[in-house]
Amino acid sequence: MKVQGDFLLPLDQQAAWNLLLDAGVLARAMPGCESLLPTGPDQYDMRMKIAVSSIRGLFGGQVRIEDKNPPASYRLVLQGEGKLGHLRGAGLLALSGEAESTRVRYDGEVQIGGLIASVGERMLDLTAKMMIRRFFGALEKEARAWTQAPAPSSGLPTGNVT
């Protein structure tokens, strides 16, 4: 199954790059993600709940970030399996600055097998699109929180010092 599209994040390109490589942000943004734990540089173990139609289950797997070209692009590779089947995928995330925002383009391919694939290609396509919308919607909320966060304290007192 092919997945592609784009989304506009309300951050400059470097900030968007940092956001998209923050494991905590990604874990909060991925629908159904229960954990995303580092196992090495740019490698993570992931556990997530997946629901497609009436089929629900837990998947465990690995996520790798490859071919980093900061702050313009990287390849995301994932594989997972559970009682419901397996999934494997890879895709390119490309970032380009647009005024005070960043356009994130994604283009990838996912292979799904086992019981979860039995729901049919149309249902899988609809579910994938819904999960991508939720992911980027959550990323947008994270981005807005980053822009509204107070600047880090220098540890120096402010105001009048006597």
C-alpha atoms as a PDB file:
ATOM      1  CA  MET A   1       0.000   0.000   0.000  1.00  0.00           C
ATOM      2  CA  LYS A   2       1.360   3.395  -1.003  1.00  0.00           C
ATOM      3  CA  VAL A   3       1.118   6.350   1.386  1.00  0.00           C
ATOM      4  CA  GLN A   4       1.943   9.881   0.373  1.00  0.00           C
ATOM      5  CA  GLY A   5       0.913  13.412   1.121  1.00  0.00           C
ATOM      6  CA  ASP A   6       2.021  16.537   2.896  1.00  0.00           C
ATOM      7  CA  PHE A   7       1.254  18.589   5.959  1.00  0.00           C
ATOM      8  CA  LEU A   8       2.174  22.097   7.088  1.00  0.00           C
ATOM      9  CA  LEU A   9       3.701  22.468  10.568  1.00  0.00           C
ATOM     10  CA  PRO A  10       3.695  25.910  12.226  1.00  0.00           C
ATOM     11  CA  LEU A  11       7.454  25.826  12.926  1.00  0.00           C
ATOM     12  CA  ASP A  12      10.552  26.897  11.041  1.00  0.00           C
ATOM     13  CA  GLN A  13      12.402  24.072   9.295  1.00  0.00           C
ATOM     14  CA  GLN A  14      15.033  23.442  11.990  1.00  0.00           C
ATOM     15  CA  ALA A  15      12.409  23.366  14.752  1.00  0.00           C
ATOM     16  CA  ALA A  16      10.223  21.020  12.658  1.00  0.00           C
ATOM     17  CA  TRP A  17      13.263  18.748  12.134  1.00  0.00           C
ATOM     18  CA  ASN A  18      13.885  18.672  15.890  1.00  0.00           C
ATOM     19  CA  LEU A  19      10.207  17.947  16.573  1.00  0.00           C
ATOM     20  CA  LEU A  20      10.145  15.065  14.075  1.00  0.00           C
ATOM     21  CA  LEU A  21      13.190  13.456  15.696  1.00  0.00           C
ATOM     22  CA  ASP A  22      12.012  13.801  19.312  1.00  0.00           C
ATOM     23  CA  ALA A  23      11.087  10.286  20.499  1.00  0.00           C
ATOM     24  CA  GLY A  24       8.784  11.624  23.218  1.00  0.00           C
ATOM     25  CA  VAL A  25       6.863  13.752  20.732  1.00  0.00           C
ATOM     26  CA  LEU A  26       6.606  10.881  18.254  1.00  0.00           C
ATOM     27  CA  ALA A  27       5.363   8.470  20.935  1.00  0.00           C
ATOM     28  CA  ARG A  28       2.629  10.943  21.938  1.00  0.00           C
ATOM     29  CA  ALA A  29       1.682  11.687  18.326  1.00  0.00           C
ATOM     30  CA  MET A  30       1.483   8.140  16.920  1.00  0.00           C
ATOM     31  CA  PRO A  31      -2.059   6.786  17.310  1.00  0.00           C
ATOM     32  CA  GLY A  32      -2.063   3.704  19.524  1.00  0.00           C
ATOM     33  CA  CYS A  33       1.600   4.010  20.523  1.00  0.00           C
ATOM     34  CA  GLU A  34       2.177   2.563  23.977  1.00  0.00           C
ATOM     35  CA  SER A  35       5.960   2.919  23.999  1.00  0.00           C
ATOM     36  CA  LEU A  36       8.865   4.037  21.858  1.00  0.00           C
ATOM     37  CA  LEU A  37      12.134   3.169  23.579  1.00  0.00           C
ATOM     38  CA  PRO A  38      15.617   3.875  22.200  1.00  0.00           C
ATOM     39  CA  THR A  39      17.763   0.810  21.550  1.00  0.00           C
ATOM     40  CA  GLY A  40      20.636   2.593  19.809  1.00  0.00           C
ATOM     41  CA  PRO A  41      21.354   5.673  17.723  1.00  0.00           C
ATOM     42  CA  ASP A  42      18.243   6.357  15.622  1.00  0.00           C
ATOM     43  CA  GLN A  43      16.732   2.964  16.564  1.00  0.00           C
ATOM     44  CA  TYR A  44      13.702   2.290  18.729  1.00  0.00           C
ATOM     45  CA  ASP A  45      11.553  -0.560  19.978  1.00  0.00           C
ATOM     46  CA  MET A  46       7.881   0.238  19.606  1.00  0.00           C
ATOM     47  CA  ARG A  47       4.661  -1.212  20.981  1.00  0.00           C
ATOM     48  CA  MET A  48       1.338  -0.029  19.640  1.00  0.00           C
ATOM     49  CA  LYS A  49      -2.309  -0.997  19.587  1.00  0.00           C
ATOM     50  CA  ILE A  50      -3.842  -1.196  16.154  1.00  0.00           C
ATOM     51  CA  ALA A  51      -7.519  -1.380  15.274  1.00  0.00           C
ATOM     52  CA  VAL A  52      -8.793  -1.960  11.766  1.00  0.00           C
ATOM     53  CA  SER A  53     -12.537  -2.535  11.445  1.00  0.00           C
ATOM     54  CA  SER A  54     -13.394  -5.091  14.148  1.00  0.00           C
ATOM     55  CA  ILE A  55      -9.831  -6.453  14.347  1.00  0.00           C
ATOM     56  CA  ARG A  56      -7.749  -5.135  17.232  1.00  0.00           C
ATOM     57  CA  GLY A  57      -4.392  -6.136  18.584  1.00  0.00           C
ATOM     58  CA  LEU A  58      -0.990  -5.248  19.933  1.00  0.00           C
ATOM     59  CA  PHE A  59       2.035  -4.983  17.666  1.00  0.00           C
ATOM     60  CA  GLY A  60       5.664  -4.934  18.695  1.00  0.00           C
ATOM     61  CA  GLY A  61       8.415  -3.870  16.389  1.00  0.00           C
ATOM     62  CA  GLN A  62      11.346  -1.682  15.514  1.00  0.00           C
ATOM     63  CA  VAL A  63      11.652   1.795  14.049  1.00  0.00           C
ATOM     64  CA  ARG A  64      14.853   3.075  12.421  1.00  0.00           C
ATOM     65  CA  ILE A  65      15.788   6.464  11.074  1.00  0.00           C
ATOM     66  CA  GLU A  66      18.162   6.292   8.113  1.00  0.00           C
ATOM     67  CA  ASP A  67      19.734   8.520   5.480  1.00  0.00           C
ATOM     68  CA  LYS A  68      19.498  11.673   7.585  1.00  0.00           C
ATOM     69  CA  ASN A  69      20.038  14.898   5.656  1.00  0.00           C
ATOM     70  CA  PRO A  70      19.480  17.600   8.334  1.00  0.00           C
ATOM     71  CA  PRO A  71      17.209  19.538   8.301  1.00  0.00           C
ATOM     72  CA  ALA A  72      15.797  18.463   4.934  1.00  0.00           C
ATOM     73  CA  SER A  73      14.947  14.736   4.957  1.00  0.00           C
ATOM     74  CA  TYR A  74      15.261  11.278   6.435  1.00  0.00           C
ATOM     75  CA  ARG A  75      14.005   7.774   5.754  1.00  0.00           C
ATOM     76  CA  LEU A  76      11.802   6.074   8.332  1.00  0.00           C
ATOM     77  CA  VAL A  77      11.859   2.257   8.326  1.00  0.00           C
ATOM     78  CA  LEU A  78       9.517   0.175  10.461  1.00  0.00           C
ATOM     79  CA  GLN A  79       8.607  -3.418  10.998  1.00  0.00           C
ATOM     80  CA  GLY A  80       6.234  -4.982  13.439  1.00  0.00           C
ATOM     81  CA  GLU A  81       4.324  -8.119  14.196  1.00  0.00           C
ATOM     82  CA  GLY A  82       1.687  -9.415  16.511  1.00  0.00           C
ATOM     83  CA  LYS A  83      -0.998 -12.081  16.723  1.00  0.00           C
ATOM     84  CA  LEU A  84      -2.923 -10.283  13.975  1.00  0.00           C
ATOM     85  CA  GLY A  85      -0.138 -10.316  11.426  1.00  0.00           C
ATOM     86  CA  HIS A  86       2.819  -8.222  10.416  1.00  0.00           C
ATOM     87  CA  LEU A  87       3.676  -4.918   8.798  1.00  0.00           C
ATOM     88  CA  ARG A  88       6.769  -3.577   7.127  1.00  0.00           C
ATOM     89  CA  GLY A  89       7.246  -0.167   5.697  1.00  0.00           C
ATOM     90  CA  ALA A  90       9.624   2.563   4.690  1.00  0.00           C
ATOM     91  CA  GLY A  91       9.139   6.120   3.656  1.00  0.00           C
ATOM     92  CA  LEU A  92      10.878   9.392   3.050  1.00  0.00           C
ATOM     93  CA  LEU A  93      10.028  12.492   5.087  1.00  0.00           C
ATOM     94  CA  ALA A  94      11.118  15.671   3.287  1.00  0.00           C
ATOM     95  CA  LEU A  95      10.957  19.103   4.914  1.00  0.00           C
ATOM     96  CA  SER A  96      10.909  22.451   3.141  1.00  0.00           C
ATOM     97  CA  GLY A  97      10.541  25.871   4.735  1.00  0.00           C
ATOM     98  CA  GLU A  98       7.567  28.037   3.761  1.00  0.00           C
ATOM     99  CA  ALA A  99       7.617  31.479   5.412  1.00  0.00           C
ATOM    100  CA  GLU A 100       7.358  30.717   9.153  1.00  0.00           C
ATOM    101  CA  SER A 101       6.139  27.149   8.601  1.00  0.00           C
ATOM    102  CA  THR A 102       7.514  23.895   7.242  1.00  0.00           C
ATOM    103  CA  ARG A 103       5.929  21.652   4.647  1.00  0.00           C
ATOM    104  CA  VAL A 104       6.460  17.980   5.516  1.00  0.00           C
ATOM    105  CA  ARG A 105       6.054  15.655   2.548  1.00  0.00           C
ATOM    106  CA  TYR A 106       5.853  11.916   3.101  1.00  0.00           C
ATOM    107  CA  ASP A 107       6.120   9.192   0.505  1.00  0.00           C
ATOM    108  CA  GLY A 108       6.314   5.541   1.412  1.00  0.00           C
ATOM    109  CA  GLU A 109       5.133   2.001   1.052  1.00  0.00           C
ATOM    110  CA  VAL A 110       3.688  -0.369   3.668  1.00  0.00           C
ATOM    111  CA  GLN A 111       3.198  -4.130   3.345  1.00  0.00           C
ATOM    112  CA  ILE A 112       0.668  -5.765   5.653  1.00  0.00           C
ATOM    113  CA  GLY A 113       0.078  -9.496   6.052  1.00  0.00           C
ATOM    114  CA  GLY A 114      -1.809 -11.931   8.207  1.00  0.00           C
ATOM    115  CA  LEU A 115      -5.280 -11.601   9.690  1.00  0.00           C
ATOM    116  CA  ILE A 116      -5.174  -7.804   9.644  1.00  0.00           C
ATOM    117  CA  ALA A 117      -4.786  -7.871   5.855  1.00  0.00           C
ATOM    118  CA  SER A 118      -8.034  -9.830   5.551  1.00  0.00           C
ATOM    119  CA  VAL A 119     -10.114  -6.680   6.117  1.00  0.00           C
ATOM    120  CA  GLY A 120      -9.335  -5.637   2.570  1.00  0.00           C
ATOM    121  CA  GLU A 121      -7.259  -3.004   0.859  1.00  0.00           C
ATOM    122  CA  ARG A 122      -9.951  -0.308   0.965  1.00  0.00           C
ATOM    123  CA  MET A 123     -10.410  -0.586   4.740  1.00  0.00           C
ATOM    124  CA  LEU A 124      -6.632  -0.627   5.275  1.00  0.00           C
ATOM    125  CA  ASP A 125      -6.272   2.459   3.069  1.00  0.00           C
ATOM    126  CA  LEU A 126      -8.977   4.334   5.002  1.00  0.00           C
ATOM    127  CA  THR A 127      -7.416   3.337   8.338  1.00  0.00           C
ATOM    128  CA  ALA A 128      -3.932   4.395   7.200  1.00  0.00           C
ATOM    129  CA  LYS A 129      -5.228   7.796   6.067  1.00  0.00           C
ATOM    130  CA  MET A 130      -7.071   8.279   9.367  1.00  0.00           C
ATOM    131  CA  MET A 131      -3.946   7.369  11.375  1.00  0.00           C
ATOM    132  CA  ILE A 132      -1.813   9.767   9.297  1.00  0.00           C
ATOM    133  CA  ARG A 133      -4.322  12.600   9.855  1.00  0.00           C
ATOM    134  CA  ARG A 134      -4.329  11.923  13.602  1.00  0.00           C
ATOM    135  CA  PHE A 135      -0.533  11.746  13.675  1.00  0.00           C
ATOM    136  CA  PHE A 136      -0.063  15.095  11.925  1.00  0.00           C
ATOM    137  CA  GLY A 137      -2.890  16.669  13.952  1.00  0.00           C
ATOM    138  CA  ALA A 138      -1.102  15.608  17.149  1.00  0.00           C
ATOM    139  CA  LEU A 139       2.207  16.876  15.734  1.00  0.00           C
ATOM    140  CA  GLU A 140       0.597  20.232  15.033  1.00  0.00           C
ATOM    141  CA  LYS A 141      -0.544  20.448  18.684  1.00  0.00           C
ATOM    142  CA  GLU A 142       2.979  19.538  19.808  1.00  0.00           C
ATOM    143  CA  ALA A 143       4.406  22.214  17.482  1.00  0.00           C
ATOM    144  CA  ARG A 144       2.057  24.856  18.887  1.00  0.00           C
ATOM    145  CA  ALA A 145       3.059  23.849  22.427  1.00  0.00           C
ATOM    146  CA  TRP A 146       6.737  24.270  21.438  1.00  0.00           C
ATOM    147  CA  THR A 147       6.097  27.776  20.106  1.00  0.00           C
ATOM    148  CA  GLN A 148       4.185  28.774  23.255  1.00  0.00           C
ATOM    149  CA  ALA A 149       6.650  27.293  25.744  1.00  0.00           C
ATOM    150  CA  PRO A 150       8.476  29.858  27.862  1.00  0.00           C
ATOM    151  CA  ALA A 151      12.122  30.453  27.048  1.00  0.00           C
ATOM    152  CA  PRO A 152      14.528  28.421  29.195  1.00  0.00           C
ATOM    153  CA  SER A 153      15.621  30.248  32.329  1.00  0.00           C
ATOM    154  CA  SER A 154      19.183  31.468  32.440  1.00  0.00           C
ATOM    155  CA  GLY A 155      19.176  31.018  36.193  1.00  0.00           C
ATOM    156  CA  LEU A 156      19.820  34.740  36.619  1.00  0.00           C
ATOM    157  CA  PRO A 157      17.412  36.904  38.562  1.00  0.00           C
ATOM    158  CA  THR A 158      15.174  39.267  36.630  1.00  0.00           C
ATOM    159  CA  GLY A 159      13.850  42.680  37.561  1.00  0.00           C
ATOM    160  CA  ASN A 160      15.583  45.076  39.903  1.00  0.00           C
ATOM    161  CA  VAL A 161      18.486  43.598  41.778  1.00  0.00           C
ATOM    162  CA  THR A 162      19.859  45.475  44.750  1.00  0.00           C
END
